């Protein structure tokens, strides 16, 4: 009988292959680290015997198989284990579920996004129609991995996962094969405009949304509309909102709302800023902020102010700093104020 070709997916930096006995020491090590297990549901302590039993159950498989969970290794260029993937296929190999874990020392390098993206592409190429993943809603780094691969957040099932005797919420994500192909084909935004919101486009603008992982840091369009409709005071002076839809290459992709300069606040203040999750990482955000700066520079502004949560992973702080915003030293309501000379933004 001919031997089966070993399952193997290669990326720029990684190899995805079946988990091997030689991986067990590292596999067991990171499966017992507190920062890893707090969002996972395997038995603790995770022992070598459990790892061997897992591999015993995979002896007849050579990659993803129908109606069973298969564990795959994520290895670096030297074939050292850096993490693992899990994949399940239904009996028709049309629907898939995936999971992923990365050793703490290997995180922050983009390995998880690279590995998950490669696995999703392999599944799509094999004819899988829909791929889903679930995670603890508090596991925002894991959510960012899915978002960077084009997964759509579909909702959180309350008290849906029994984890070590406790019922936990379950955030759910999915991507269709057609959506993955479209995601990979997306091009950088070439033209950004600030467009007045009217009856003709208001519903499309309302449908724009931030990524799931950004929800605690970025307000929705609807929340911003609500703030615009109700009078807000700053040191007793009414805040006057100016807002526009952000259009990229002719379609609505974001929203910006600015507090107009006032006697007690001489600089335009970016009160709300959102780029739809489907259009992020394409250069649209930076172009939109330049358009905002150009608008207010034409009206005589010299600086632009804003504030955001700082010093916490996942906040917009890094984006604003890269544009040239610097902290002013003012912290109010848990947010740090930033300011940039308007010429730097243009």
Protein backbone atom coordinates (compact mmCIF):
# COMPACT_ATOMS: atom_id res chain seq x y z
CA UNK A 1 0.00 0.00 0.00
CA UNK A 2 1.30 3.51 -0.77
CA UNK A 3 2.16 5.59 2.27
CA UNK A 4 0.12 8.71 2.94
CA UNK A 5 1.78 12.01 2.30
CA UNK A 6 2.38 13.64 5.71
CA UNK A 7 0.02 16.55 6.44
CA UNK A 8 1.93 19.81 6.33
CA UNK A 9 1.10 23.50 5.85
CA UNK A 10 3.98 25.92 5.51
CA UNK A 11 3.84 29.69 5.96
CA UNK A 12 6.49 32.39 5.85
CA UNK A 13 7.75 31.49 9.32
CA UNK A 14 5.85 28.43 10.50
CA UNK A 15 5.02 24.81 9.82
CA UNK A 16 1.66 23.29 10.75
CA UNK A 17 1.88 19.52 11.11
CA UNK A 18 0.43 16.70 13.23
CA UNK A 19 1.37 16.86 16.90
CA UNK A 20 4.22 14.46 17.63
CA UNK A 21 5.54 12.58 20.67
CA UNK A 22 8.64 14.78 20.57
CA UNK A 23 6.38 17.79 21.25
CA UNK A 24 4.96 16.45 24.49
CA UNK A 25 7.34 18.10 26.97
CA UNK A 26 6.70 21.60 25.61
CA UNK A 27 2.99 20.89 24.98
CA UNK A 28 2.48 19.85 28.62
CA UNK A 29 4.57 22.74 29.92
CA UNK A 30 2.50 25.54 28.41
CA UNK A 31 -0.79 23.76 29.03
CA UNK A 32 -0.16 24.21 32.76
CA UNK A 33 0.74 27.93 32.71
CA UNK A 34 -1.84 30.07 34.51
CA UNK A 35 -2.14 32.77 31.84
CA UNK A 36 -2.90 30.07 29.26
CA UNK A 37 -5.29 27.85 31.20
CA UNK A 38 -7.52 30.67 32.48
CA UNK A 39 -9.21 30.78 29.09
CA UNK A 40 -9.10 27.04 28.30
CA UNK A 41 -11.08 24.05 29.50
CA UNK A 42 -8.75 21.05 29.49
CA UNK A 43 -8.25 19.04 32.68
CA UNK A 44 -5.74 20.33 35.23
CA UNK A 45 -3.06 19.54 35.97
CA UNK A 46 -2.41 18.60 32.36
CA UNK A 47 -0.10 15.59 32.56
CA UNK A 48 2.17 13.72 30.17
CA UNK A 49 -0.22 10.79 30.40
CA UNK A 50 -3.05 12.99 29.09
CA UNK A 51 -0.83 14.17 26.24
CA UNK A 52 0.13 10.59 25.34
CA UNK A 53 -3.53 9.57 25.44
CA UNK A 54 -4.35 12.46 23.10
CA UNK A 55 -1.71 11.31 20.65
CA UNK A 56 -2.86 7.70 20.95
CA UNK A 57 -6.25 8.83 19.69
CA UNK A 58 -4.65 10.57 16.71
CA UNK A 59 -2.52 7.69 15.46
CA UNK A 60 -4.84 6.90 12.56
CA UNK A 61 -5.25 10.53 11.44
CA UNK A 62 -3.01 12.57 9.19
CA UNK A 63 -4.42 16.06 9.50
CA UNK A 64 -8.01 17.29 9.85
CA UNK A 65 -10.56 14.46 9.77
CA UNK A 66 -14.34 14.28 9.78
CA UNK A 67 -16.33 14.02 12.99
CA UNK A 68 -13.37 14.32 15.38
CA UNK A 69 -11.10 16.91 16.92
CA UNK A 70 -7.55 16.75 15.61
CA UNK A 71 -4.62 18.46 17.31
CA UNK A 72 -1.97 20.05 15.10
CA UNK A 73 1.40 21.45 16.03
CA UNK A 74 2.53 24.98 15.20
CA UNK A 75 6.30 24.76 14.78
CA UNK A 76 8.93 27.34 13.92
CA UNK A 77 11.51 27.07 11.17
CA UNK A 78 13.63 24.81 13.39
CA UNK A 79 10.60 22.53 13.98
CA UNK A 80 10.31 23.59 17.63
CA UNK A 81 6.79 23.64 19.03
CA UNK A 82 5.49 27.20 19.59
CA UNK A 83 1.79 26.37 19.92
CA UNK A 84 -1.00 24.20 18.61
CA UNK A 85 -4.20 24.25 16.62
CA UNK A 86 -7.31 22.11 17.00
CA UNK A 87 -9.74 21.49 14.16
CA UNK A 88 -13.03 19.62 13.88
CA UNK A 89 -14.94 18.79 10.70
CA UNK A 90 -18.53 17.64 10.41
CA UNK A 91 -19.33 14.36 8.62
CA UNK A 92 -19.59 16.13 5.25
CA UNK A 93 -16.37 18.13 5.74
CA UNK A 94 -18.42 21.27 5.03
CA UNK A 95 -18.41 22.84 8.50
CA UNK A 96 -15.38 23.30 10.74
CA UNK A 97 -14.54 24.45 14.24
CA UNK A 98 -11.06 25.60 15.20
CA UNK A 99 -9.13 26.43 18.34
CA UNK A 100 -5.58 27.65 18.94
CA UNK A 101 -3.06 28.08 21.74
CA UNK A 102 0.34 29.73 21.70
CA UNK A 103 3.04 29.40 24.35
CA UNK A 104 3.32 32.70 26.28
CA UNK A 105 6.92 33.28 25.17
CA UNK A 106 5.84 33.08 21.53
CA UNK A 107 2.98 35.55 21.75
CA UNK A 108 3.13 39.05 20.31
CA UNK A 109 4.91 37.96 17.12
CA UNK A 110 1.88 37.39 14.91
CA UNK A 111 2.35 33.60 14.97
CA UNK A 112 -1.25 32.86 15.94
CA UNK A 113 -2.69 35.03 13.16
CA UNK A 114 -0.29 33.48 10.64
CA UNK A 115 -1.14 29.93 11.70
CA UNK A 116 -4.91 30.42 11.94
CA UNK A 117 -4.98 32.19 8.58
CA UNK A 118 -3.03 29.37 6.95
CA UNK A 119 -5.31 26.72 8.42
CA UNK A 120 -8.44 28.59 7.33
CA UNK A 121 -7.06 28.92 3.79
CA UNK A 122 -6.29 25.19 3.72
CA UNK A 123 -9.82 24.35 4.87
CA UNK A 124 -11.36 26.68 2.29
CA UNK A 125 -9.23 25.12 -0.45
CA UNK A 126 -10.52 21.69 0.63
CA UNK A 127 -14.13 22.84 0.17
CA UNK A 128 -15.12 23.73 3.74
CA UNK A 129 -18.04 26.17 3.63
CA UNK A 130 -18.06 27.68 7.13
CA UNK A 131 -15.45 27.87 9.87
CA UNK A 132 -16.34 28.83 13.44
CA UNK A 133 -14.51 29.49 16.69
CA UNK A 134 -15.57 30.29 20.23
CA UNK A 135 -13.70 31.94 23.07
CA UNK A 136 -14.02 33.50 26.49
CA UNK A 137 -15.32 37.07 25.96
CA UNK A 138 -12.48 38.36 28.15
CA UNK A 139 -9.83 36.81 25.92
CA UNK A 140 -9.36 39.88 23.75
CA UNK A 141 -5.94 38.90 22.31
CA UNK A 142 -7.56 35.72 20.98
CA UNK A 143 -10.43 37.74 19.53
CA UNK A 144 -7.92 39.97 17.72
CA UNK A 145 -6.42 36.88 16.06
CA UNK A 146 -9.82 35.95 14.60
CA UNK A 147 -10.58 39.52 13.58
CA UNK A 148 -7.29 39.82 11.71
CA UNK A 149 -8.24 36.69 9.78
CA UNK A 150 -11.63 38.13 8.80
CA UNK A 151 -13.88 36.31 11.27
CA UNK A 152 -17.19 37.99 12.08
CA UNK A 153 -18.39 38.24 15.69
CA UNK A 154 -21.90 36.75 15.77
CA UNK A 155 -22.83 37.11 19.44
CA UNK A 156 -22.14 35.88 22.94
CA UNK A 157 -24.04 32.92 24.34
CA UNK A 158 -24.57 33.50 28.05
CA UNK A 159 -23.55 30.80 30.50
CA UNK A 160 -22.99 28.38 27.64
CA UNK A 161 -19.66 26.69 28.44
CA UNK A 162 -19.08 24.55 31.51
CA UNK A 163 -15.44 25.13 32.39
CA UNK A 164 -14.07 23.30 35.44
CA UNK A 165 -17.43 23.29 37.14
CA UNK A 166 -18.40 26.90 36.30
CA UNK A 167 -20.73 28.14 33.57
CA UNK A 168 -18.98 30.76 31.45
CA UNK A 169 -20.11 32.98 28.58
CA UNK A 170 -19.07 31.98 25.07
CA UNK A 171 -18.23 34.58 22.38
CA UNK A 172 -18.80 33.19 18.91
CA UNK A 173 -17.13 33.99 15.61
CA UNK A 174 -17.46 32.64 12.09
CA UNK A 175 -16.25 33.09 8.54
CA UNK A 176 -17.61 31.71 5.28
CA UNK A 177 -15.35 30.51 2.49
CA UNK A 178 -16.59 33.36 0.29
CA UNK A 179 -15.81 35.87 3.05
CA UNK A 180 -12.27 34.56 3.49
CA UNK A 181 -11.61 34.86 -0.23
CA UNK A 182 -13.00 38.40 -0.21
CA UNK A 183 -10.94 39.28 2.88
CA UNK A 184 -7.72 38.17 1.18
CA UNK A 185 -8.60 40.14 -1.95
CA UNK A 186 -9.17 43.45 -0.13
CA UNK A 187 -6.87 46.24 -1.26
CA UNK A 188 -5.62 49.29 0.67
CA UNK A 189 -7.95 52.28 0.62
CA UNK A 190 -6.82 54.82 -1.97
CA UNK A 191 -9.28 57.68 -1.46
CA UNK A 192 -10.88 58.84 1.79
CA UNK A 193 -13.56 61.53 2.08
CA UNK A 194 -15.56 63.02 4.92
CA UNK A 195 -19.20 62.95 3.83
CA UNK A 196 -22.21 64.62 5.42
CA UNK A 197 -24.67 62.17 6.98
CA UNK A 198 -28.10 62.45 5.37
CA UNK A 199 -31.28 60.44 5.02
CA UNK A 200 -29.69 58.68 2.06
CA UNK A 201 -26.73 57.20 3.97
CA UNK A 202 -27.63 57.30 7.67
CA UNK A 203 -28.66 53.63 7.83
CA UNK A 204 -25.50 52.46 6.11
CA UNK A 205 -23.42 54.49 8.58
CA UNK A 206 -25.36 53.01 11.52
CA UNK A 207 -24.46 49.51 10.33
CA UNK A 208 -20.74 50.23 10.66
CA UNK A 209 -19.18 48.67 13.74
CA UNK A 210 -15.89 48.33 15.58
CA UNK A 211 -14.25 44.98 16.17
CA UNK A 212 -15.44 42.90 19.13
CA UNK A 213 -12.05 43.35 20.82
CA UNK A 214 -12.40 47.15 20.60
CA UNK A 215 -15.85 47.50 22.16
CA UNK A 216 -14.63 48.53 25.58
CA UNK A 217 -12.43 51.24 24.05
CA UNK A 218 -14.44 52.57 21.08
CA UNK A 219 -18.07 53.73 21.09
CA UNK A 220 -20.52 52.56 18.44
CA UNK A 221 -22.00 54.92 15.86
CA UNK A 222 -25.37 54.67 17.63
CA UNK A 223 -23.81 55.65 20.97
CA UNK A 224 -22.14 58.61 19.30
CA UNK A 225 -25.42 59.69 17.71
CA UNK A 226 -26.98 59.58 21.15
CA UNK A 227 -24.29 61.83 22.59
CA UNK A 228 -24.73 64.25 19.68
CA UNK A 229 -28.48 64.52 20.31
CA UNK A 230 -28.20 65.33 24.02
CA UNK A 231 -26.52 68.49 25.26
CA UNK A 232 -23.19 67.96 26.99
CA UNK A 233 -21.35 70.62 28.96
CA UNK A 234 -17.62 71.08 29.45
CA UNK A 235 -16.86 73.45 32.32
CA UNK A 236 -20.35 74.87 31.87
CA UNK A 237 -19.96 75.50 28.13
CA UNK A 238 -22.11 73.43 25.69
CA UNK A 239 -20.19 71.00 23.49
CA UNK A 240 -21.09 71.41 19.82
CA UNK A 241 -20.69 68.17 17.85
CA UNK A 242 -19.58 68.11 14.21
CA UNK A 243 -19.80 64.67 12.61
CA UNK A 244 -19.26 63.03 9.26
CA UNK A 245 -19.24 59.62 7.65
CA UNK A 246 -15.84 58.40 6.53
CA UNK A 247 -16.01 57.14 2.95
CA UNK A 248 -13.30 54.96 1.47
CA UNK A 249 -13.21 54.57 -2.30
CA UNK A 250 -16.84 55.61 -2.50
CA UNK A 251 -18.40 53.55 0.30
CA UNK A 252 -19.03 54.29 4.01
CA UNK A 253 -16.32 52.71 6.14
CA UNK A 254 -16.21 54.81 9.30
CA UNK A 255 -17.49 57.65 11.46
CA UNK A 256 -15.90 60.67 13.11
CA UNK A 257 -17.37 63.18 15.55
CA UNK A 258 -15.48 66.29 16.64
CA UNK A 259 -16.27 68.69 19.47
CA UNK A 260 -15.95 72.11 17.89
CA UNK A 261 -13.48 74.59 19.42
CA UNK A 262 -14.98 76.69 22.22
CA UNK A 263 -13.93 79.49 24.55
CA UNK A 264 -12.68 77.01 27.14
CA UNK A 265 -11.31 74.46 24.62
CA UNK A 266 -9.53 76.19 21.74
CA UNK A 267 -8.67 73.07 19.71
CA UNK A 268 -11.01 70.73 17.81
CA UNK A 269 -11.40 67.59 19.91
CA UNK A 270 -11.88 64.20 18.22
CA UNK A 271 -14.72 63.00 20.40
CA UNK A 272 -15.45 59.77 18.53
CA UNK A 273 -13.59 57.93 15.81
CA UNK A 274 -14.44 54.54 14.35
CA UNK A 275 -13.32 52.55 11.32
CA UNK A 276 -15.51 49.54 10.57
CA UNK A 277 -13.78 46.27 11.48
CA UNK A 278 -14.00 45.05 7.88
CA UNK A 279 -11.98 48.05 6.68
CA UNK A 280 -9.28 48.26 9.33
CA UNK A 281 -5.58 47.66 8.65
CA UNK A 282 -5.94 49.19 5.17
CA UNK A 283 -4.64 52.69 5.88
CA UNK A 284 -8.14 54.18 6.08
CA UNK A 285 -7.83 55.38 9.68
CA UNK A 286 -4.71 57.44 9.07
CA UNK A 287 -6.16 58.94 5.88
CA UNK A 288 -9.39 59.82 7.70
CA UNK A 289 -7.52 61.60 10.49
CA UNK A 290 -5.57 63.58 7.89
CA UNK A 291 -8.86 64.59 6.28
CA UNK A 292 -10.17 65.74 9.67
CA UNK A 293 -6.99 67.76 10.22
CA UNK A 294 -7.25 69.34 6.78
CA UNK A 295 -10.88 70.38 7.42
CA UNK A 296 -10.09 72.10 10.70
CA UNK A 297 -6.83 73.60 9.46
CA UNK A 298 -8.84 75.38 6.77
CA UNK A 299 -10.91 76.90 9.59
CA UNK A 300 -7.81 78.15 11.40
CA UNK A 301 -7.11 75.36 13.90
CA UNK A 302 -3.49 74.76 14.90
CA UNK A 303 -3.82 71.56 16.95
CA UNK A 304 -6.12 68.56 17.34
CA UNK A 305 -6.97 67.00 20.70
CA UNK A 306 -8.42 63.61 21.63
CA UNK A 307 -8.38 61.16 24.50
CA UNK A 308 -8.32 57.39 24.88
CA UNK A 309 -7.52 54.67 27.38
CA UNK A 310 -3.74 54.35 27.51
CA UNK A 311 -1.31 51.71 28.69
CA UNK A 312 -3.67 48.78 28.06
CA UNK A 313 -3.30 46.27 25.18
CA UNK A 314 -5.83 46.73 22.41
CA UNK A 315 -6.55 50.45 22.87
CA UNK A 316 -6.17 52.96 19.99
CA UNK A 317 -3.22 54.58 21.77
CA UNK A 318 -0.59 53.11 19.46
CA UNK A 319 -2.47 54.23 16.37
CA UNK A 320 -2.72 57.80 17.64
CA UNK A 321 0.93 57.92 18.69
CA UNK A 322 2.03 56.74 15.25
CA UNK A 323 0.09 59.64 13.75
CA UNK A 324 2.01 62.08 15.94
CA UNK A 325 -0.28 62.59 18.95
CA UNK A 326 1.49 63.03 22.28
CA UNK A 327 0.06 63.00 25.82
CA UNK A 328 -0.61 66.38 27.36
CA UNK A 329 -0.42 65.11 30.94
CA UNK A 330 -4.16 65.44 31.50
CA UNK A 331 -6.02 62.31 32.58
CA UNK A 332 -9.77 62.54 33.00
CA UNK A 333 -12.40 59.83 33.36
CA UNK A 334 -9.77 57.11 32.99
CA UNK A 335 -8.65 58.45 29.60
CA UNK A 336 -5.39 60.17 28.70
CA UNK A 337 -5.55 63.36 26.65
CA UNK A 338 -3.39 63.55 23.52
CA UNK A 339 -2.58 66.49 21.25
CA UNK A 340 -0.95 66.85 17.83
CA UNK A 341 0.05 69.93 15.82
CA UNK A 342 -2.34 70.02 12.89
CA UNK A 343 0.50 70.38 10.36
CA UNK A 344 1.94 67.08 11.56
CA UNK A 345 -1.33 65.30 10.78
CA UNK A 346 -1.78 66.78 7.33
